[in-house]
Amino acid sequence: MKKYITAALLFCSALTAACSKETAGSIDAGDTGALEMRVSATRAEADGEYDPLQRLAVRIYRASGELLRQYTAETLPSRLELLAGEYRVEVDAGEAVPASFSKRLYKGEKTFTVAAGQTTVAEVECKRQNVVAEVKFDATVSAAFGENFHAWVVAADSFDEGQVQQGGVPALNYTADGTGYFTMPEGVTTLTTRFEGTHPDRGVIVKEGRFEGVQTGGKYSVSFRFSKDLPGFIECFVVKVDTSTDDYDDTFPFSPEPSIESDGFDMDQPQDFIPGTTAPKRYMITTMAAVRSVVIGIGDDSYDVLNDTTEGIEVVRESDLSLTVTLSDAFFTGRPGGSHPVTIRVTDSAGAEATAISEYRLQGLLPIEKTDYDLWTNSLTLRALVLDPNVTAATFGLRVKDGEWSDAEGVSAGEGIYAATFTAEWEESTNA
C-alpha cells in the first residue's frame, strides 16, 4: 500500500532572500499574495547516510516560462510574496547519477495562481526518477560459495565485462543483499543481471537474467538460490520480478520542521464537538529526527502524551519519526461549554519544534462572567452553547443550596447561544 505524508512549508519570503528579477520596493502590497507550497515525495526504506533533502532545488517560473526565483536547501526562505498571477514551481531533491546504492533523484512540478491578498496553496508531489534494482541472496548461496560470489546489475541489453570495467554503462556490483538506483540511459529499457560464483567442487558458475520494459519509478527484484538437487546446477538460480512502482517505498517530509496534520478535518476552522456524537479527532505527526516530546495543552492543563497516560488521548507510534494522536470524548469531559483552543507542540531529538492550534467548540453551559450578575438587584443570567442541530429549545435551572429548583426557558441569542435571566422576587414593605 502506498503511504504519503505531506509536509507543509510556508513560503511567504523576503524578496531579497534569493535570485529574483523583481526590483526591491517595486511591489505594491495590495497586489501581492502569499504562497504556501506543500510537497510530498517517496523515498527508499533504507536511506543510509544519504539525505535527498540536503540536495534540494526549488525553482519558480512565470507563466511565460521565465525563471523568477530559485532556492537551495540553504537559501530556502520562510516567507515568499509574489505578484498576483500565474506561476509554475519545480522541485528537485537528490542527485541524478548513472547508478548508486544510495544516491537518487525526485522531481515534481505544479502550476498555480496567486491571488492578491490571499494565501495560495500549491501541492507538489515529487516522484522518484530512478529504476530500483533489489538483489537478495538466499542462505544457500553463501553456504555453497562462501564469500566467492557476487552479482552485477547493469542498465544495458546484455552484460559486457569490458564496458562495465570502463564505466561505459550504469552498473552496480552486489556482494550482499542490497538495493540500488539506476538513471536509465536514453532509449534503454532493460536491466541485465549476472551472477558469478566459484564453487569449491564445481568451479565457476554463471547465471544471467534480464528485465525488459523497465519503467522509471519501478522496482525490480532478483533472488538467487542454490540447490545441489536441481539438475545441471546452473538452473538453480531463481529470478523473481516485481514491477510495482513506489509501493515499497516509505515517505519523507519536505520540511525540516516537524509536521502536524489533521486527519479528515481542517485545523484552521473551529471544530464543533458534541461528546457521544462527534467522531474522535486524529492528528498525524512526522519529524526528520526522532520524536522527543509531544505536549497537548487545553486551558490551564498540559499533558505530556509520550510519558503519561491521559484518558481521552490515544497515541499510536508507527516509528521513531511518525505517530498519530487521537482526542476522544473523555478528553473534553467536564470542560465548560464554549471555545477551547487545543495546542499541540512537537519537538524532535535535533531540536526542531512545531506547534499547531485547533479551536474546539463544546456544547454546554458557558462560564459566568462578571457582566452576567448584579449583586444589588440579585439577578443572574445563564448562557449555554447548543451545537446539536436537533435541539431548538433550552431550559435553565437555578437553585439555592438544598433548595428548590427554579426553571426558566432560554431565549436564542444567535449562533447557537441560548440565555435565561433569573431575578429575585421582591415584596414592598415599610421598615418600622
Protein backbone atom coordinates (compact mmCIF):
# COMPACT_ATOMS: atom_id res chain seq x y z
CA MET A 1 0.00 0.00 0.00
CA LYS A 2 1.31 3.43 -0.86
CA LYS A 3 1.87 5.80 2.02
CA TYR A 4 2.16 9.54 1.55
CA ILE A 5 2.92 12.10 4.19
CA THR A 6 2.50 15.69 3.09
CA ALA A 7 4.56 18.24 4.98
CA ALA A 8 3.67 21.90 4.64
CA LEU A 9 6.26 24.62 4.24
CA LEU A 10 5.01 28.20 4.21
CA PHE A 11 6.72 30.25 1.57
CA CYS A 12 6.00 33.88 2.17
CA SER A 13 9.63 35.25 1.82
CA ALA A 14 11.56 38.49 1.72
CA LEU A 15 12.19 39.44 -1.86
CA THR A 16 15.95 39.70 -1.46
CA ALA A 17 16.37 36.21 0.02
CA ALA A 18 17.24 34.59 -3.32
CA CYS A 19 17.72 35.21 -7.03
CA SER A 20 14.92 37.46 -8.25
CA LYS A 21 14.21 39.72 -11.22
CA GLU A 22 11.83 41.96 -9.26
CA THR A 23 13.15 45.27 -8.04
CA ALA A 24 13.05 45.81 -4.29
CA GLY A 25 10.36 48.30 -3.36
CA SER A 26 8.59 47.99 -6.72
CA ILE A 27 5.74 45.80 -5.49
CA ASP A 28 2.54 47.24 -4.11
CA ALA A 29 1.49 45.15 -1.09
CA GLY A 30 -2.10 45.30 -2.32
CA ASP A 31 -1.11 43.41 -5.48
CA THR A 32 0.71 40.56 -3.74
CA GLY A 33 -0.33 37.23 -2.28
CA ALA A 34 1.35 34.56 -0.17
CA LEU A 35 2.38 31.14 -1.44
CA GLU A 36 2.08 28.04 0.70
CA MET A 37 3.71 25.08 -1.04
CA ARG A 38 3.13 21.53 0.13
CA VAL A 39 5.49 18.90 -1.19
CA SER A 40 5.15 15.14 -0.84
CA ALA A 41 7.59 12.56 -2.11
CA THR A 42 8.57 8.91 -1.73
CA ARG A 43 11.89 7.59 -0.59
CA ALA A 44 13.61 4.24 -0.20
CA GLU A 45 13.23 2.36 3.03
CA ALA A 46 16.98 2.11 3.58
CA ASP A 47 18.41 5.62 3.35
CA GLY A 48 21.78 5.07 4.98
CA GLU A 49 23.56 8.38 5.34
CA TYR A 50 22.20 9.89 2.13
CA ASP A 51 19.56 12.58 2.53
CA PRO A 52 17.96 13.88 -0.70
CA LEU A 53 16.76 16.98 1.18
CA GLN A 54 20.36 18.14 1.56
CA ARG A 55 20.43 18.49 -2.24
CA LEU A 56 17.24 20.46 -2.77
CA ALA A 57 16.45 22.76 -5.68
CA VAL A 58 13.25 24.83 -5.91
CA ARG A 59 12.57 26.97 -8.99
CA ILE A 60 9.63 29.31 -9.55
CA TYR A 61 8.75 30.39 -13.10
CA ARG A 62 6.38 32.97 -14.52
CA ALA A 63 3.60 31.73 -16.76
CA SER A 64 5.74 32.88 -19.72
CA GLY A 65 8.44 30.38 -18.72
CA GLU A 66 10.86 32.98 -17.36
CA LEU A 67 12.74 31.85 -14.24
CA LEU A 68 11.76 34.14 -11.36
CA ARG A 69 13.25 32.61 -8.21
CA GLN A 70 15.48 29.66 -7.36
CA TYR A 71 16.50 28.27 -3.98
CA THR A 72 18.64 25.56 -2.45
CA ALA A 73 18.22 23.84 0.91
CA GLU A 74 20.41 26.55 2.46
CA THR A 75 18.68 29.55 0.88
CA LEU A 76 15.08 28.35 1.07
CA PRO A 77 13.13 31.21 2.72
CA SER A 78 10.41 31.01 5.31
CA ARG A 79 8.25 33.67 3.65
CA LEU A 80 7.57 34.40 -0.01
CA GLU A 81 5.34 37.08 -1.52
CA LEU A 82 4.52 37.13 -5.22
CA LEU A 83 2.63 39.44 -7.51
CA ALA A 84 -0.84 38.17 -8.33
CA GLY A 85 -0.70 35.98 -11.42
CA GLU A 86 0.14 32.56 -12.89
CA TYR A 87 3.29 30.65 -11.83
CA ARG A 88 4.89 27.24 -12.03
CA VAL A 89 7.11 25.66 -9.38
CA GLU A 90 9.63 22.85 -9.98
CA VAL A 91 11.18 20.85 -7.14
CA ASP A 92 14.20 18.53 -7.32
CA ALA A 93 15.55 16.55 -4.38
CA GLY A 94 18.67 14.41 -4.61
CA GLU A 95 21.11 13.80 -7.45
CA ALA A 96 20.98 12.22 -10.91
CA VAL A 97 23.81 9.67 -11.15
CA PRO A 98 24.06 6.66 -13.51
CA ALA A 99 23.98 4.06 -10.72
CA SER A 100 24.32 4.19 -6.95
CA PHE A 101 23.45 2.27 -3.80
CA SER A 102 22.27 5.49 -2.14
CA LYS A 103 22.05 8.49 -4.47
CA ARG A 104 18.70 9.05 -6.16
CA LEU A 105 16.56 11.83 -7.58
CA TYR A 106 12.98 13.02 -7.06
CA LYS A 107 11.15 15.54 -9.25
CA GLY A 108 7.80 17.31 -9.18
CA GLU A 109 6.13 20.41 -10.57
CA LYS A 110 2.90 22.37 -10.15
CA THR A 111 1.19 25.28 -11.90
CA PHE A 112 -0.66 27.65 -9.58
CA THR A 113 -2.33 31.06 -9.39
CA VAL A 114 -1.53 33.68 -6.74
CA ALA A 115 -4.46 35.94 -5.84
CA ALA A 116 -3.93 39.40 -4.34
CA GLY A 117 -4.26 39.45 -0.57
CA GLN A 118 -4.74 35.68 -0.31
CA THR A 119 -2.64 32.65 0.55
CA THR A 120 -2.39 30.18 -2.31
CA VAL A 121 -1.69 26.51 -1.65
CA ALA A 122 0.34 24.64 -4.29
CA GLU A 123 0.74 20.93 -3.61
CA VAL A 124 3.70 19.38 -5.39
CA GLU A 125 4.12 15.60 -5.48
CA CYS A 126 7.72 14.58 -6.17
CA LYS A 127 8.24 11.18 -7.74
CA ARG A 128 11.40 9.11 -7.86
CA GLN A 129 13.17 9.33 -11.20
CA ASN A 130 15.22 6.13 -10.76
CA VAL A 131 14.70 2.48 -11.51
CA VAL A 132 15.23 0.40 -8.37
CA ALA A 133 17.11 -2.91 -8.53
CA GLU A 134 16.95 -5.16 -5.47
CA VAL A 135 19.19 -8.22 -5.13
CA LYS A 136 18.71 -10.92 -2.50
CA PHE A 137 20.91 -13.94 -1.79
CA ASP A 138 19.40 -16.98 -0.13
CA ALA A 139 21.40 -18.54 2.72
CA THR A 140 22.12 -21.50 0.41
CA VAL A 141 24.32 -19.23 -1.74
CA SER A 142 26.83 -18.34 0.97
CA ALA A 143 26.74 -21.95 2.20
CA ALA A 144 27.74 -23.19 -1.26
CA PHE A 145 30.14 -20.42 -2.37
CA GLY A 146 31.43 -18.94 0.89
CA GLU A 147 32.46 -15.38 0.03
CA ASN A 148 33.32 -16.18 -3.59
CA PHE A 149 30.21 -14.83 -5.26
CA HIS A 150 28.69 -11.54 -6.43
CA ALA A 151 26.01 -10.27 -8.79
CA TRP A 152 26.15 -7.48 -11.36
CA VAL A 153 23.16 -5.42 -12.41
CA VAL A 154 23.70 -3.25 -15.49
CA ALA A 155 21.42 -0.90 -17.41
CA ALA A 156 22.04 -2.47 -20.80
CA ASP A 157 20.62 -5.11 -23.14
CA SER A 158 23.44 -7.53 -22.29
CA PHE A 159 26.40 -7.89 -19.93
CA ASP A 160 29.71 -6.71 -21.42
CA GLU A 161 32.53 -7.00 -18.91
CA GLY A 162 34.71 -4.58 -20.86
CA GLN A 163 32.05 -1.86 -20.82
CA VAL A 164 31.36 -2.47 -17.14
CA GLN A 165 35.04 -2.19 -16.18
CA GLN A 166 35.45 1.01 -18.23
CA GLY A 167 32.30 2.56 -16.80
CA GLY A 168 30.58 2.60 -20.17
CA VAL A 169 27.22 1.51 -18.74
CA PRO A 170 25.47 2.15 -15.41
CA ALA A 171 26.40 -0.85 -13.27
CA LEU A 172 26.36 -1.98 -9.64
CA ASN A 173 28.15 -4.94 -8.07
CA TYR A 174 26.24 -6.64 -5.23
CA THR A 175 28.25 -8.75 -2.77
CA ALA A 176 25.35 -8.99 -0.29
CA ASP A 177 21.64 -8.20 -0.19
CA GLY A 178 21.13 -4.64 -1.34
CA THR A 179 19.07 -2.04 -3.19
CA GLY A 180 20.47 0.11 -5.99
CA TYR A 181 19.20 3.06 -8.03
CA PHE A 182 19.68 3.49 -11.77
CA THR A 183 19.20 6.51 -14.01
CA MET A 184 18.43 4.74 -17.26
CA PRO A 185 20.29 6.00 -20.36
CA GLU A 186 18.08 7.39 -23.10
CA GLY A 187 16.43 4.60 -25.07
CA VAL A 188 17.49 1.84 -22.64
CA THR A 189 14.64 -0.14 -21.03
CA THR A 190 16.50 -3.31 -19.97
CA LEU A 191 18.27 -4.34 -16.77
CA THR A 192 20.64 -7.29 -17.13
CA THR A 193 21.70 -9.36 -14.11
CA ARG A 194 24.74 -11.64 -13.93
CA PHE A 195 25.60 -13.93 -11.02
CA GLU A 196 29.16 -15.20 -10.75
CA GLY A 197 30.27 -17.68 -8.09
CA THR A 198 33.17 -20.07 -7.59
CA HIS A 199 32.06 -23.39 -6.12
CA PRO A 200 34.78 -25.43 -4.37
CA ASP A 201 33.82 -28.58 -6.30
CA ARG A 202 32.14 -27.39 -9.48
CA GLY A 203 34.21 -24.30 -10.27
CA VAL A 204 32.76 -21.12 -11.72
CA ILE A 205 29.00 -20.94 -12.10
CA VAL A 206 27.39 -18.08 -14.03
CA LYS A 207 23.73 -17.19 -14.32
CA GLU A 208 22.31 -14.27 -16.34
CA GLY A 209 18.84 -12.79 -16.48
CA ARG A 210 17.06 -9.80 -17.99
CA PHE A 211 14.29 -7.40 -17.02
CA GLU A 212 12.80 -5.88 -20.16
CA GLY A 213 10.48 -2.90 -20.44
CA VAL A 214 11.60 -1.39 -17.14
CA GLN A 215 9.87 1.82 -16.13
CA THR A 216 11.01 4.85 -14.19
CA GLY A 217 9.88 4.51 -10.59
CA GLY A 218 9.63 0.72 -10.88
CA LYS A 219 11.25 -1.75 -8.51
CA TYR A 220 12.78 -4.96 -9.89
CA SER A 221 13.90 -7.76 -7.59
CA VAL A 222 16.12 -10.78 -8.29
CA SER A 223 16.63 -13.58 -5.76
CA PHE A 224 19.38 -16.20 -6.02
CA ARG A 225 19.12 -19.69 -4.52
CA PHE A 226 21.42 -22.70 -4.84
CA SER A 227 20.37 -26.36 -4.63
CA LYS A 228 22.57 -29.32 -5.48
CA ASP A 229 19.42 -31.37 -6.13
CA LEU A 230 18.48 -29.38 -9.23
CA PRO A 231 19.74 -30.88 -12.49
CA GLY A 232 22.60 -29.12 -14.19
CA PHE A 233 23.26 -26.90 -11.16
CA ILE A 234 23.21 -23.84 -13.42
CA GLU A 235 19.41 -23.74 -13.37
CA CYS A 236 19.36 -23.44 -9.61
CA PHE A 237 19.09 -19.69 -9.52
CA VAL A 238 15.57 -18.36 -9.30
CA VAL A 239 14.77 -14.89 -10.59
CA LYS A 240 11.70 -13.09 -9.25
CA VAL A 241 10.42 -9.91 -10.85
CA ASP A 242 8.40 -7.20 -9.13
CA THR A 243 7.46 -4.33 -11.46
CA SER A 244 5.43 -2.39 -8.88
CA THR A 245 6.15 1.33 -8.65
CA ASP A 246 6.68 3.13 -5.36
CA ASP A 247 4.62 0.64 -3.33
CA TYR A 248 7.58 -0.49 -1.29
CA ASP A 249 8.80 2.99 -0.50
CA ASP A 250 8.47 4.91 2.71
CA THR A 251 7.94 8.69 2.74
CA PHE A 252 9.94 11.69 3.78
CA PRO A 253 8.61 15.06 4.93
CA PHE A 254 9.76 18.00 2.86
CA SER A 255 10.12 20.42 5.76
CA PRO A 256 12.94 20.03 8.30
CA GLU A 257 10.46 21.11 10.98
CA PRO A 258 8.05 18.58 12.50
CA SER A 259 4.78 18.24 10.61
CA ILE A 260 1.42 18.22 12.42
CA GLU A 261 -1.54 17.42 10.18
CA SER A 262 -5.20 16.82 10.89
CA ASP A 263 -6.88 13.72 9.51
CA GLY A 264 -10.20 14.43 7.83
CA PHE A 265 -10.83 17.93 9.18
CA ASP A 266 -9.49 21.46 8.76
CA MET A 267 -7.40 22.61 11.73
CA ASP A 268 -7.84 26.23 10.64
CA GLN A 269 -11.61 26.05 11.18
CA PRO A 270 -13.38 25.79 14.58
CA GLN A 271 -14.49 22.23 15.29
CA ASP A 272 -17.86 21.62 16.94
CA PHE A 273 -17.53 18.71 19.37
CA ILE A 274 -20.54 17.01 20.97
CA PRO A 275 -19.49 14.15 23.29
CA GLY A 276 -21.12 10.90 22.31
CA THR A 277 -21.88 12.20 18.81
CA THR A 278 -18.75 13.67 17.25
CA ALA A 279 -16.11 11.26 15.94
CA PRO A 280 -12.66 11.38 17.61
CA LYS A 281 -10.18 13.86 16.11
CA ARG A 282 -6.90 12.41 14.84
CA TYR A 283 -3.58 14.19 14.21
CA MET A 284 -0.65 12.80 12.20
CA ILE A 285 2.84 13.85 13.34
CA THR A 286 6.09 13.32 11.40
CA THR A 287 9.62 14.51 12.12
CA MET A 288 13.02 14.44 10.43
CA ALA A 289 14.73 13.28 13.65
CA ALA A 290 13.31 11.01 16.36
CA VAL A 291 10.28 12.44 18.17
CA ARG A 292 11.36 13.67 21.60
CA SER A 293 8.15 15.10 23.07
CA VAL A 294 4.51 15.78 22.27
CA VAL A 295 2.68 18.12 24.65
CA ILE A 296 -1.05 18.87 24.38
CA GLY A 297 -2.49 21.90 26.16
CA ILE A 298 -6.07 22.98 26.80
CA GLY A 299 -6.95 25.80 29.18
CA ASP A 300 -4.66 25.57 32.21
CA ASP A 301 -3.99 21.85 31.64
CA SER A 302 -0.95 20.38 29.89
CA TYR A 303 -0.32 16.72 29.02
CA ASP A 304 2.97 15.01 28.10
CA VAL A 305 1.40 12.32 25.95
CA LEU A 306 4.57 10.29 25.32
CA ASN A 307 5.31 9.76 29.02
CA ASP A 308 1.90 9.95 30.69
CA THR A 309 -1.37 8.15 30.10
CA THR A 310 -4.33 10.51 29.87
CA GLU A 311 -7.92 9.39 29.43
CA GLY A 312 -9.21 10.58 26.08
CA ILE A 313 -5.75 10.82 24.45
CA GLU A 314 -4.61 7.83 22.38
CA VAL A 315 -1.08 7.69 20.95
CA VAL A 316 -0.05 5.21 18.24
CA ARG A 317 3.65 5.30 17.38
CA GLU A 318 4.38 3.94 13.90
CA SER A 319 8.13 4.63 14.13
CA ASP A 320 10.64 6.97 15.75
CA LEU A 321 9.71 9.54 13.09
CA SER A 322 5.93 9.27 12.96
CA LEU A 323 2.95 8.83 15.26
CA THR A 324 -0.75 9.63 15.49
CA VAL A 325 -2.60 11.29 18.38
CA THR A 326 -6.37 10.90 18.79
CA LEU A 327 -8.60 13.06 21.02
CA SER A 328 -11.90 11.46 22.06
CA ASP A 329 -14.87 12.21 24.32
CA ALA A 330 -13.11 11.68 27.63
CA PHE A 331 -10.57 14.40 26.82
CA PHE A 332 -13.34 17.03 26.77
CA THR A 333 -15.48 15.62 29.58
CA GLY A 334 -16.06 18.05 32.43
CA ARG A 335 -14.99 21.11 30.49
CA PRO A 336 -17.45 24.04 30.22
CA GLY A 337 -19.20 24.94 27.03
CA GLY A 338 -17.71 27.45 24.63
CA SER A 339 -14.47 27.81 22.69
CA HIS A 340 -11.36 25.89 23.80
CA PRO A 341 -8.05 26.27 21.90
CA VAL A 342 -6.11 22.98 21.92
CA THR A 343 -2.35 23.35 21.38
CA ILE A 344 -0.10 20.53 20.14
CA ARG A 345 3.64 21.17 20.50
CA VAL A 346 6.14 18.70 18.99
CA THR A 347 9.93 18.62 19.38
CA ASP A 348 12.43 16.15 17.94
CA SER A 349 15.88 14.99 19.01
CA ALA A 350 17.51 17.50 16.66
CA GLY A 351 15.87 20.41 18.50
CA ALA A 352 13.34 21.24 15.76
CA GLU A 353 9.93 22.30 17.07
CA ALA A 354 6.46 22.87 15.64
CA THR A 355 3.15 23.98 17.17
CA ALA A 356 -0.40 23.59 15.89
CA ILE A 357 -3.57 25.04 17.41
CA SER A 358 -7.11 23.76 16.89
CA GLU A 359 -10.19 25.55 18.22
CA TYR A 360 -12.91 23.31 19.63
CA ARG A 361 -16.45 24.48 20.46
CA LEU A 362 -18.03 22.38 23.20
CA GLN A 363 -21.73 22.16 23.89
CA GLY A 364 -22.75 23.12 27.42
CA LEU A 365 -23.18 25.87 30.00
CA LEU A 366 -20.86 28.82 29.36
CA PRO A 367 -18.68 30.21 32.17
CA ILE A 368 -20.34 33.02 34.13
CA GLU A 369 -18.80 36.43 33.53
CA LYS A 370 -18.93 39.50 35.78
CA THR A 371 -21.43 41.12 33.47
CA ASP A 372 -23.82 38.20 33.97
CA TYR A 373 -24.76 39.01 37.57
CA ASP A 374 -25.81 42.02 39.68
CA LEU A 375 -25.48 41.62 43.43
CA TRP A 376 -27.53 44.76 44.12
CA THR A 377 -30.63 43.53 42.30
CA ASN A 378 -29.79 39.88 42.97
CA SER A 379 -30.05 38.87 39.29
CA LEU A 380 -28.13 36.30 37.22
CA THR A 381 -28.01 35.48 33.50
CA LEU A 382 -27.03 31.98 32.38
CA ARG A 383 -25.91 31.16 28.86
CA ALA A 384 -25.31 27.87 27.05
CA LEU A 385 -23.84 26.90 23.67
CA VAL A 386 -26.05 24.37 21.89
CA LEU A 387 -24.45 22.67 18.88
CA ASP A 388 -26.91 19.82 18.29
CA PRO A 389 -28.99 20.87 15.23
CA ASN A 390 -31.92 18.81 16.53
CA VAL A 391 -32.23 20.95 19.66
CA THR A 392 -34.48 24.00 19.26
CA ALA A 393 -35.02 25.00 22.91
CA ALA A 394 -33.07 25.10 26.18
CA THR A 395 -34.31 25.15 29.76
CA PHE A 396 -32.10 26.53 32.55
CA GLY A 397 -32.36 25.64 36.22
CA LEU A 398 -31.19 27.55 39.31
CA ARG A 399 -31.50 26.81 43.00
CA VAL A 400 -30.09 27.88 46.32
CA LYS A 401 -28.19 25.28 48.30
CA ASP A 402 -30.50 22.42 49.31
CA GLY A 403 -33.45 24.38 47.93
CA GLU A 404 -35.98 24.05 45.16
CA TRP A 405 -35.08 24.38 41.51
CA SER A 406 -36.33 27.40 39.58
CA ASP A 407 -36.61 26.84 35.84
CA ALA A 408 -36.55 29.39 33.03
CA GLU A 409 -36.87 28.91 29.28
CA GLY A 410 -33.85 30.05 27.33
CA VAL A 411 -34.08 32.65 24.58
CA SER A 412 -31.97 32.25 21.45
CA ALA A 413 -29.25 34.88 21.14
CA GLY A 414 -27.96 33.61 17.77
CA GLU A 415 -25.02 31.39 16.77
CA GLY A 416 -26.24 28.54 18.97
CA ILE A 417 -26.31 30.63 22.16
CA TYR A 418 -29.32 30.41 24.49
CA ALA A 419 -29.74 32.65 27.57
CA ALA A 420 -32.10 32.98 30.55
CA THR A 421 -32.13 35.61 33.33
CA PHE A 422 -33.14 34.84 36.92
CA THR A 423 -34.32 37.76 39.11
CA ALA A 424 -35.26 37.71 42.80
CA GLU A 425 -38.90 38.31 43.74
CA TRP A 426 -39.31 41.45 45.89
CA GLU A 427 -42.01 42.44 48.33
CA GLU A 428 -42.55 46.12 49.18
CA SER A 429 -42.92 46.91 52.89
CA THR A 430 -42.21 49.65 55.36
CA ASN A 431 -39.45 49.23 57.87
CA ALA A 432 -40.59 50.11 61.35
